[in-house]
Amino acid sequence: MPVGTCPDCEAEVHVDLDADKGDTVTCDECGTQLEVVGLDPVELDIAEEDLDDEDDLDDEDEY
């Protein structure tokens, strides 16, 4: 099974053999949603969904 690195916590993240670019996986260590952005080698980036969630939390802190 291919392995990538979580850009948030640096943990190894296993990616299915049939994964395609744009698929999302979850880091088992920190729970961050990651997007597969490269396949050979496996490259992961924080998914847009997860970035939006963090922005929402920041907005709540302003009130």
C-alpha atoms as a PDB file:
ATOM      1  CA  MET A   1       0.000   0.000   0.000  1.00  0.00           C
ATOM      2  CA  PRO A   2       1.474   3.397  -0.975  1.00  0.00           C
ATOM      3  CA  VAL A   3       2.361   5.790   1.829  1.00  0.00           C
ATOM      4  CA  GLY A   4       2.362   9.585   1.924  1.00  0.00           C
ATOM      5  CA  THR A   5       3.201  12.049   4.675  1.00  0.00           C
ATOM      6  CA  CYS A   6       0.633  14.199   6.457  1.00  0.00           C
ATOM      7  CA  PRO A   7       1.594  17.856   5.909  1.00  0.00           C
ATOM      8  CA  ASP A   8      -0.012  18.744   9.246  1.00  0.00           C
ATOM      9  CA  CYS A   9       1.603  16.268  11.675  1.00  0.00           C
ATOM     10  CA  GLU A  10       4.234  14.463   9.515  1.00  0.00           C
ATOM     11  CA  ALA A  11       2.679  11.016  10.191  1.00  0.00           C
ATOM     12  CA  GLU A  12       2.690   8.308   7.522  1.00  0.00           C
ATOM     13  CA  VAL A  13      -0.671   8.032   5.761  1.00  0.00           C
ATOM     14  CA  HIS A  14      -1.559   4.884   3.826  1.00  0.00           C
ATOM     15  CA  VAL A  15      -3.314   5.439   0.496  1.00  0.00           C
ATOM     16  CA  ASP A  16      -5.305   2.777  -1.367  1.00  0.00           C
ATOM     17  CA  LEU A  17      -3.688   1.286  -4.462  1.00  0.00           C
ATOM     18  CA  ASP A  18      -6.640   2.437  -6.575  1.00  0.00           C
ATOM     19  CA  ALA A  19      -6.531   6.044  -5.302  1.00  0.00           C
ATOM     20  CA  ASP A  20      -6.659   8.826  -7.872  1.00  0.00           C
ATOM     21  CA  LYS A  21      -5.619  12.466  -7.728  1.00  0.00           C
ATOM     22  CA  GLY A  22      -8.352  14.434  -5.986  1.00  0.00           C
ATOM     23  CA  ASP A  23      -9.354  11.591  -3.665  1.00  0.00           C
ATOM     24  CA  THR A  24      -9.417  12.358   0.049  1.00  0.00           C
ATOM     25  CA  VAL A  25      -7.972  10.354   2.914  1.00  0.00           C
ATOM     26  CA  THR A  26      -7.888  10.971   6.659  1.00  0.00           C
ATOM     27  CA  CYS A  27      -4.722  11.044   8.723  1.00  0.00           C
ATOM     28  CA  ASP A  28      -5.134   8.479  11.510  1.00  0.00           C
ATOM     29  CA  GLU A  29      -2.822  10.458  13.799  1.00  0.00           C
ATOM     30  CA  CYS A  30      -4.373  13.950  13.699  1.00  0.00           C
ATOM     31  CA  GLY A  31      -7.688  13.452  11.852  1.00  0.00           C
ATOM     32  CA  THR A  32      -6.900  15.981   9.113  1.00  0.00           C
ATOM     33  CA  GLN A  33      -8.679  15.453   5.785  1.00  0.00           C
ATOM     34  CA  LEU A  34      -6.044  15.196   3.069  1.00  0.00           C
ATOM     35  CA  GLU A  35      -6.282  15.368  -0.716  1.00  0.00           C
ATOM     36  CA  VAL A  36      -4.152  13.143  -2.940  1.00  0.00           C
ATOM     37  CA  VAL A  37      -2.281  15.609  -5.183  1.00  0.00           C
ATOM     38  CA  GLY A  38       0.382  13.241  -6.545  1.00  0.00           C
ATOM     39  CA  LEU A  39       0.643   9.490  -7.061  1.00  0.00           C
ATOM     40  CA  ASP A  40       4.265   8.646  -7.901  1.00  0.00           C
ATOM     41  CA  PRO A  41       5.419   9.390  -5.283  1.00  0.00           C
ATOM     42  CA  VAL A  42       2.297   9.853  -3.157  1.00  0.00           C
ATOM     43  CA  GLU A  43       1.854  13.525  -2.276  1.00  0.00           C
ATOM     44  CA  LEU A  44      -0.802  14.774   0.115  1.00  0.00           C
ATOM     45  CA  ASP A  45      -2.097  18.261   0.882  1.00  0.00           C
ATOM     46  CA  ILE A  46      -4.696  19.510   3.340  1.00  0.00           C
ATOM     47  CA  ALA A  47      -8.120  19.187   1.684  1.00  0.00           C
ATOM     48  CA  GLU A  48     -10.081  22.359   0.930  1.00  0.00           C
ATOM     49  CA  GLU A  49     -12.925  21.107   3.184  1.00  0.00           C
ATOM     50  CA  ASP A  50     -10.592  20.980   6.164  1.00  0.00           C
ATOM     51  CA  LEU A  51      -9.204  24.443   5.396  1.00  0.00           C
ATOM     52  CA  ASP A  52     -12.764  25.821   5.311  1.00  0.00           C
ATOM     53  CA  ASP A  53     -13.495  24.258   8.716  1.00  0.00           C
ATOM     54  CA  GLU A  54     -10.442  25.971  10.212  1.00  0.00           C
ATOM     55  CA  ASP A  55     -11.566  29.307   8.748  1.00  0.00           C
ATOM     56  CA  ASP A  56     -14.992  28.838  10.335  1.00  0.00           C
ATOM     57  CA  LEU A  57     -13.393  28.314  13.741  1.00  0.00           C
ATOM     58  CA  ASP A  58     -11.371  31.500  13.340  1.00  0.00           C
ATOM     59  CA  ASP A  59     -14.545  33.444  12.510  1.00  0.00           C
ATOM     60  CA  GLU A  60     -16.236  32.199  15.698  1.00  0.00           C
ATOM     61  CA  ASP A  61     -13.328  33.464  17.793  1.00  0.00           C
ATOM     62  CA  GLU A  62     -13.938  37.015  16.567  1.00  0.00           C
ATOM     63  CA  TYR A  63     -17.386  37.301  18.162  1.00  0.00           C
END
